Amino acid sequence: MKSRKLGKIGIAVTVAVAGSLFVVAAPAVAGTLLGGATVTNPARGTMDGSVIDGPVKLIMPRPRNGEQFDIVAAYVNIPPGGGIDWHTHPGPTFGIVTGGGALTILNDECVAKVHETGDAFVEGTAIHTARNYSNAPVTVRVTFFLPHTSPPTPPTVFLTPADDDVMDAYCGLVD
């Protein structure tokens, strides 16, 4: 994994919640997947919060009084030049680059981390964007841990188009 710091920004960002589980094969506009990125094979399940006290300890907001949480898993497929606009997640996200080129994730301070096939990573709830600057398609297996709500909490919360443009300009990105 390679890291690169490009700068620091201090802006207040307005967040818009995407209405569906994922935006699939969306056009290249702010608040979407860019350049033909797709989400395939999504699955969602609900889990009792008491399981967190089992053999695996999760570092995440702890459900109280028997509250439940959801786990969402899917493949994200990003073609060369594609990506996912600036967004957050309401809980931790675990990813594994399972094939293809390299995935670049930039955080809100414009620090880039490059993940290649076989690399695993964890993203918290901070603002970030994911891009494929390589010449090969990238496939990432992602798993989201989310609060259980009705209607279901979406795993991806996109910035408004105006705030997305501010972040792109600050970090020197072009959609």
Protein backbone atom coordinates (compact mmCIF):
# COMPACT_ATOMS: atom_id res chain seq x y z
CA MET A 1 0.00 0.00 0.00
CA LYS A 2 1.40 3.40 -1.00
CA SER A 3 0.44 6.70 0.64
CA ARG A 4 0.77 10.25 -0.62
CA LYS A 5 -0.25 13.47 1.16
CA LEU A 6 -1.51 16.21 -1.12
CA GLY A 7 -2.77 18.81 1.37
CA LYS A 8 -5.33 19.61 4.07
CA ILE A 9 -8.75 21.19 3.84
CA GLY A 10 -11.09 22.56 6.47
CA ILE A 11 -14.60 22.72 5.04
CA ALA A 12 -18.00 21.94 6.40
CA VAL A 13 -19.59 19.39 4.09
CA THR A 14 -23.30 18.85 3.62
CA VAL A 15 -24.20 15.18 3.22
CA ALA A 16 -27.05 13.80 1.09
CA VAL A 17 -28.27 10.25 1.70
CA ALA A 18 -28.65 8.08 -1.36
CA GLY A 19 -32.15 6.65 -1.40
CA SER A 20 -31.25 3.14 -2.48
CA LEU A 21 -28.81 0.45 -1.43
CA PHE A 22 -26.44 1.29 -4.28
CA VAL A 23 -26.44 3.31 -7.47
CA VAL A 24 -25.72 0.78 -10.21
CA ALA A 25 -24.19 1.68 -13.57
CA ALA A 26 -24.85 5.38 -13.02
CA PRO A 27 -23.70 8.13 -15.38
CA ALA A 28 -20.66 10.22 -14.45
CA VAL A 29 -22.27 12.92 -12.29
CA ALA A 30 -21.58 14.08 -8.74
CA GLY A 31 -23.05 11.88 -6.02
CA THR A 32 -22.74 8.67 -8.01
CA LEU A 33 -20.42 5.98 -9.16
CA LEU A 34 -18.21 7.42 -11.89
CA GLY A 35 -17.32 6.18 -15.36
CA GLY A 36 -19.33 2.97 -15.50
CA ALA A 37 -18.56 1.62 -12.02
CA THR A 38 -21.06 -1.04 -10.97
CA VAL A 39 -22.09 -2.94 -7.86
CA THR A 40 -22.84 -6.63 -8.24
CA ASN A 41 -24.07 -9.49 -6.07
CA PRO A 42 -25.20 -7.36 -3.09
CA ALA A 43 -26.38 -9.14 0.05
CA ARG A 44 -27.71 -7.74 3.33
CA GLY A 45 -28.27 -9.45 6.68
CA THR A 46 -29.23 -8.39 10.20
CA MET A 47 -27.30 -9.47 13.27
CA ASP A 48 -27.97 -9.27 16.99
CA GLY A 49 -25.58 -6.84 18.70
CA SER A 50 -24.70 -9.39 21.40
CA VAL A 51 -22.62 -11.32 18.84
CA ILE A 52 -19.99 -8.57 19.06
CA ASP A 53 -19.04 -10.06 22.45
CA GLY A 54 -18.25 -13.40 20.78
CA PRO A 55 -14.89 -14.68 19.51
CA VAL A 56 -14.34 -11.64 17.29
CA LYS A 57 -14.21 -8.14 18.76
CA LEU A 58 -15.38 -5.39 16.43
CA ILE A 59 -14.30 -1.80 16.93
CA MET A 60 -17.49 0.04 16.06
CA PRO A 61 -20.35 1.82 17.79
CA ARG A 62 -21.63 -0.80 20.20
CA PRO A 63 -25.33 -1.69 19.98
CA ARG A 64 -27.11 -1.33 23.31
CA ASN A 65 -30.06 -3.18 24.83
CA GLY A 66 -30.14 -5.93 22.21
CA GLU A 67 -30.06 -3.54 19.26
CA GLN A 68 -29.30 -5.05 15.89
CA PHE A 69 -26.96 -4.03 13.12
CA ASP A 70 -26.81 -4.86 9.43
CA ILE A 71 -23.98 -6.29 7.39
CA VAL A 72 -23.97 -5.52 3.68
CA ALA A 73 -21.56 -7.21 1.27
CA ALA A 74 -21.09 -6.65 -2.46
CA TYR A 75 -18.56 -6.50 -5.27
CA VAL A 76 -17.65 -3.05 -6.57
CA ASN A 77 -16.34 -3.14 -10.13
CA ILE A 78 -14.50 -0.04 -11.35
CA PRO A 79 -13.27 0.27 -14.94
CA PRO A 80 -10.08 2.16 -15.80
CA GLY A 81 -10.71 5.87 -15.25
CA GLY A 82 -13.82 5.15 -13.16
CA GLY A 83 -14.49 5.62 -9.49
CA ILE A 84 -16.91 6.60 -6.75
CA ASP A 85 -17.56 10.26 -5.92
CA TRP A 86 -16.88 11.73 -2.46
CA HIS A 87 -18.89 9.89 0.18
CA THR A 88 -19.00 8.53 3.72
CA HIS A 89 -20.28 5.34 5.36
CA PRO A 90 -22.38 5.21 8.55
CA GLY A 91 -20.12 2.47 9.95
CA PRO A 92 -16.79 0.79 9.26
CA THR A 93 -16.18 -0.65 5.79
CA PHE A 94 -13.84 -3.54 5.07
CA GLY A 95 -12.51 -4.13 1.56
CA ILE A 96 -10.33 -6.57 -0.35
CA VAL A 97 -9.07 -5.81 -3.85
CA THR A 98 -9.80 -9.15 -5.51
CA GLY A 99 -8.58 -8.49 -9.01
CA GLY A 100 -7.43 -6.18 -11.74
CA GLY A 101 -5.60 -2.92 -11.40
CA ALA A 102 -5.04 -0.70 -8.38
CA LEU A 103 -7.68 1.12 -6.30
CA THR A 104 -6.77 4.61 -5.06
CA ILE A 105 -8.66 5.96 -2.05
CA LEU A 106 -8.25 9.65 -1.21
CA ASN A 107 -9.34 10.99 2.16
CA ASP A 108 -10.61 14.48 3.00
CA GLU A 109 -7.02 15.69 3.46
CA CYS A 110 -6.16 14.54 -0.10
CA VAL A 111 -3.97 11.70 1.19
CA ALA A 112 -3.99 8.90 -1.38
CA LYS A 113 -3.65 5.21 -0.47
CA VAL A 114 -3.15 2.77 -3.32
CA HIS A 115 -4.43 -0.81 -2.86
CA GLU A 116 -3.45 -3.56 -5.29
CA THR A 117 -4.84 -7.07 -5.85
CA GLY A 118 -4.67 -8.98 -2.56
CA ASP A 119 -4.59 -5.85 -0.39
CA ALA A 120 -7.19 -5.51 2.36
CA PHE A 121 -8.20 -2.18 3.87
CA VAL A 122 -10.58 -0.62 6.38
CA GLU A 123 -12.34 2.69 5.84
CA GLY A 124 -13.98 4.50 8.70
CA THR A 125 -16.73 7.09 8.50
CA ALA A 126 -14.60 9.99 7.20
CA ILE A 127 -15.19 11.52 3.77
CA HIS A 128 -13.29 9.83 0.94
CA THR A 129 -13.36 9.00 -2.76
CA ALA A 130 -12.25 5.86 -4.62
CA ARG A 131 -10.69 5.96 -8.08
CA ASN A 132 -9.17 3.53 -10.57
CA TYR A 133 -6.20 5.29 -12.18
CA SER A 134 -4.79 2.00 -13.52
CA ASN A 135 -5.20 0.55 -17.00
CA ALA A 136 -7.14 -2.53 -15.83
CA PRO A 137 -10.59 -2.91 -14.25
CA VAL A 138 -10.57 -3.22 -10.44
CA THR A 139 -12.85 -5.50 -8.44
CA VAL A 140 -13.24 -4.91 -4.70
CA ARG A 141 -15.20 -7.09 -2.26
CA VAL A 142 -16.66 -4.72 0.35
CA THR A 143 -18.43 -5.40 3.62
CA PHE A 144 -20.25 -2.61 5.47
CA PHE A 145 -21.34 -2.64 9.14
CA LEU A 146 -24.39 -0.39 9.55
CA PRO A 147 -27.01 0.59 12.10
CA HIS A 148 -30.19 -1.45 11.65
CA THR A 149 -33.00 0.91 10.70
CA SER A 150 -36.27 0.81 8.83
CA PRO A 151 -36.09 1.67 6.00
CA PRO A 152 -32.59 0.16 5.82
CA THR A 153 -29.63 2.51 6.28
CA PRO A 154 -27.81 2.94 2.95
CA PRO A 155 -24.12 1.89 3.12
CA THR A 156 -22.97 4.91 1.08
CA VAL A 157 -23.82 8.54 1.79
CA PHE A 158 -22.76 10.86 -1.05
CA LEU A 159 -21.83 14.53 -0.70
CA THR A 160 -23.98 17.09 -2.46
CA PRO A 161 -22.85 17.88 -6.02
CA ALA A 162 -21.56 21.31 -4.89
CA ASP A 163 -19.52 19.84 -2.02
CA ASP A 164 -18.26 17.07 -4.31
CA ASP A 165 -17.01 19.74 -6.72
CA VAL A 166 -15.28 21.60 -3.85
CA MET A 167 -13.48 18.41 -2.77
CA ASP A 168 -12.51 17.56 -6.36
CA ALA A 169 -11.07 21.06 -6.89
CA TYR A 170 -9.22 21.05 -3.57
CA CYS A 171 -7.58 17.69 -4.28
CA GLY A 172 -6.96 18.49 -7.96
CA LEU A 173 -9.33 15.79 -9.27
CA VAL A 174 -11.22 15.91 -12.53
CA ASP A 175 -14.33 13.73 -13.07
